[in-house]
Amino acid sequence: MRIRSALLFAALSATPGFAQSAPAAVPPPQPAASFSIPRETPVHLMVLNEVSTKNARPGDRFVLIVQEPVIVNNRVVIAENARAWGVVEDARESGAAGKSGRLSARLLHVEGRHGLVPLSGTAASAGPGGATQTVLGIVGLGPFGLFARGSNAKLKAGDSITGYVAADTPVQP
């Protein structure tokens, strides 16, 4: 009886369609292709709060926001209203005799959807010249006109600055 069962099983196994075949190999899911935000991609920013030589010092950081989304490969990689940071490089307060203040700042990075994106770019401002006012002050007030101070330099809230992605920055899918 055992021999017959074994022969019957062997015969049926050899029949096409009866033998169990291995399940078809299912390819593993492919991760989405990674890509980079290219160097020199423009990022349009807006100063959030005024930065002035009246109270800013070198090393002070200030906040900007992204004015329009940055899109790479049909994907938003930096969202509108994302926070960006800058740092004051030089801040010279206005002085006597109508000397205007000077301010310069450098962009640092933006907080993108996939981490920090380094930025390059600078902003500079000088207070309006006060030479004419100083001359008029000397004429009207004599030597006391020399004590007239110039105007402070400032980056006003709402000012636009264009920064650029400083290096190819990988983006996680």
Protein backbone atom coordinates (compact mmCIF):
# COMPACT_ATOMS: atom_id res chain seq x y z
CA MET A 1 0.00 0.00 0.00
CA ARG A 2 2.80 2.34 0.76
CA ILE A 3 4.41 1.71 -2.54
CA ARG A 4 1.16 2.46 -4.37
CA SER A 5 0.70 5.74 -2.49
CA ALA A 6 4.23 6.78 -3.20
CA LEU A 7 3.85 5.96 -6.92
CA LEU A 8 0.53 7.79 -7.10
CA PHE A 9 2.03 10.86 -5.42
CA ALA A 10 5.05 10.76 -7.75
CA ALA A 11 2.78 10.48 -10.78
CA LEU A 12 0.56 13.34 -9.70
CA SER A 13 3.53 15.53 -8.79
CA ALA A 14 4.89 15.17 -12.29
CA THR A 15 1.56 16.29 -13.77
CA PRO A 16 1.76 19.92 -14.93
CA GLY A 17 -0.26 22.28 -12.77
CA PHE A 18 -0.51 19.88 -9.84
CA ALA A 19 2.84 20.52 -8.22
CA GLN A 20 2.96 23.55 -6.02
CA SER A 21 5.21 26.19 -7.42
CA ALA A 22 7.14 28.67 -5.34
CA PRO A 23 5.33 31.98 -4.94
CA ALA A 24 6.35 34.59 -7.48
CA ALA A 25 9.08 36.83 -6.15
CA VAL A 26 7.64 40.23 -5.26
CA PRO A 27 10.21 42.97 -5.69
CA PRO A 28 10.80 44.92 -2.50
CA PRO A 29 9.34 48.44 -2.49
CA GLN A 30 11.76 50.91 -3.97
CA PRO A 31 12.56 53.91 -1.83
CA ALA A 32 11.74 57.21 -3.45
CA ALA A 33 14.72 58.58 -5.29
CA SER A 34 16.67 61.06 -3.23
CA PHE A 35 17.75 64.35 -4.72
CA SER A 36 19.38 67.61 -3.72
CA ILE A 37 18.44 71.25 -3.59
CA PRO A 38 20.97 72.66 -6.06
CA ARG A 39 23.53 75.22 -4.97
CA GLU A 40 22.55 78.80 -5.91
CA THR A 41 18.80 78.06 -5.78
CA PRO A 42 17.20 81.43 -4.89
CA VAL A 43 15.24 81.73 -1.65
CA HIS A 44 13.11 84.86 -1.32
CA LEU A 45 13.05 86.09 2.28
CA MET A 46 11.43 88.86 4.29
CA VAL A 47 12.79 90.50 7.44
CA LEU A 48 10.38 89.72 10.27
CA ASN A 49 11.41 92.36 12.85
CA GLU A 50 13.41 95.55 12.32
CA VAL A 51 17.18 95.30 12.83
CA SER A 52 18.73 98.71 13.58
CA THR A 53 22.14 100.06 14.49
CA LYS A 54 20.38 101.68 17.43
CA ASN A 55 20.27 98.35 19.28
CA ALA A 56 21.87 95.60 17.13
CA ARG A 57 25.42 94.43 17.75
CA PRO A 58 27.73 92.17 15.73
CA GLY A 59 26.82 88.55 16.40
CA ASP A 60 23.13 89.25 17.04
CA ARG A 61 20.85 86.87 15.14
CA PHE A 62 17.59 87.89 13.54
CA VAL A 63 14.63 86.06 11.99
CA LEU A 64 13.39 86.15 8.42
CA ILE A 65 10.60 84.17 6.77
CA VAL A 66 10.40 82.57 3.34
CA GLN A 67 8.10 84.57 1.06
CA GLU A 68 7.39 81.87 -1.52
CA PRO A 69 7.93 78.10 -1.51
CA VAL A 70 11.06 76.60 -3.05
CA ILE A 71 10.17 73.73 -5.38
CA VAL A 72 12.62 71.11 -6.69
CA ASN A 73 11.55 68.08 -8.77
CA ASN A 74 7.90 69.11 -8.35
CA ARG A 75 8.25 68.88 -4.56
CA VAL A 76 8.12 71.70 -2.03
CA VAL A 77 11.48 71.48 -0.26
CA ILE A 78 11.25 74.80 1.59
CA ALA A 79 7.76 75.89 2.55
CA GLU A 80 6.37 79.40 2.45
CA ASN A 81 6.66 81.08 5.87
CA ALA A 82 9.52 78.77 6.92
CA ARG A 83 11.87 80.44 9.37
CA ALA A 84 15.31 81.60 8.27
CA TRP A 85 18.14 83.14 10.25
CA GLY A 86 20.66 85.88 9.66
CA VAL A 87 23.45 87.36 11.77
CA VAL A 88 24.59 90.97 12.15
CA GLU A 89 28.18 91.24 10.91
CA ASP A 90 28.79 94.95 11.48
CA ALA A 91 26.70 97.62 13.19
CA ARG A 92 28.05 101.14 13.46
CA GLU A 93 25.75 103.55 15.19
CA SER A 94 25.20 107.02 13.80
CA GLY A 95 27.54 109.67 15.11
CA ALA A 96 28.00 113.37 15.58
CA ALA A 97 28.27 115.82 12.71
CA GLY A 98 25.59 113.94 10.78
CA LYS A 99 27.57 110.70 10.46
CA SER A 100 25.19 107.95 9.31
CA GLY A 101 25.01 104.51 10.82
CA ARG A 102 26.04 101.41 8.84
CA LEU A 103 24.71 97.88 9.15
CA SER A 104 25.71 94.69 7.39
CA ALA A 105 24.30 91.21 7.89
CA ARG A 106 24.85 87.71 6.51
CA LEU A 107 22.26 84.99 5.95
CA LEU A 108 22.85 81.72 7.83
CA HIS A 109 20.24 79.05 7.05
CA VAL A 110 16.58 78.28 6.54
CA GLU A 111 14.62 75.59 8.36
CA GLY A 112 13.53 73.39 5.46
CA ARG A 113 11.21 70.39 5.58
CA HIS A 114 14.22 68.09 5.66
CA GLY A 115 16.48 69.99 8.05
CA LEU A 116 18.62 73.10 7.90
CA VAL A 117 19.50 74.43 4.45
CA PRO A 118 22.63 76.64 4.46
CA LEU A 119 22.21 80.03 2.79
CA SER A 120 24.59 82.55 1.30
CA GLY A 121 23.79 86.19 0.88
CA THR A 122 24.23 89.52 2.58
CA ALA A 123 22.23 92.62 3.33
CA ALA A 124 23.57 96.07 4.04
CA SER A 125 22.08 99.40 4.95
CA ALA A 126 23.33 102.90 5.63
CA GLY A 127 21.39 105.66 7.29
CA PRO A 128 20.49 108.61 5.08
CA GLY A 129 23.32 111.11 4.80
CA GLY A 130 23.20 114.01 7.20
CA ALA A 131 25.81 116.34 5.68
CA THR A 132 23.26 118.92 4.52
CA GLN A 133 21.52 118.94 7.88
CA THR A 134 24.87 119.35 9.64
CA VAL A 135 25.81 122.34 7.48
CA LEU A 136 22.41 123.93 8.09
CA GLY A 137 22.74 123.17 11.80
CA ILE A 138 26.15 124.90 11.95
CA VAL A 139 24.76 127.92 10.13
CA GLY A 140 21.74 128.12 12.43
CA LEU A 141 23.29 126.97 15.71
CA GLY A 142 26.96 127.76 15.26
CA PRO A 143 29.39 125.10 16.51
CA PHE A 144 26.57 123.35 18.35
CA GLY A 145 25.37 122.13 14.95
CA LEU A 146 28.30 119.68 14.97
CA PHE A 147 26.51 117.71 17.68
CA ALA A 148 23.64 116.83 15.34
CA ARG A 149 23.54 113.05 15.00
CA GLY A 150 23.13 111.18 11.75
CA SER A 151 20.48 108.57 11.08
CA ASN A 152 20.65 104.93 12.16
CA ALA A 153 20.89 102.23 9.52
CA LYS A 154 18.23 99.55 9.57
CA LEU A 155 16.75 96.53 7.90
CA LYS A 156 13.05 97.30 8.19
CA ALA A 157 10.41 94.71 8.97
CA GLY A 158 9.00 93.64 5.62
CA ASP A 159 12.22 94.31 3.64
CA SER A 160 12.89 91.62 1.03
CA ILE A 161 16.24 89.85 0.74
CA THR A 162 17.14 87.15 -1.75
CA GLY A 163 19.41 84.44 -0.40
CA TYR A 164 20.87 81.48 -2.24
CA VAL A 165 21.34 77.87 -1.19
CA ALA A 166 25.03 77.74 -0.23
CA ALA A 167 25.74 74.11 -1.22
CA ASP A 168 23.97 71.17 -2.83
CA THR A 169 21.75 70.01 0.01
CA PRO A 170 20.43 66.43 0.05
CA VAL A 171 16.71 66.03 0.56
CA GLN A 172 15.19 62.96 2.19
CA PRO A 173 12.19 61.61 0.28
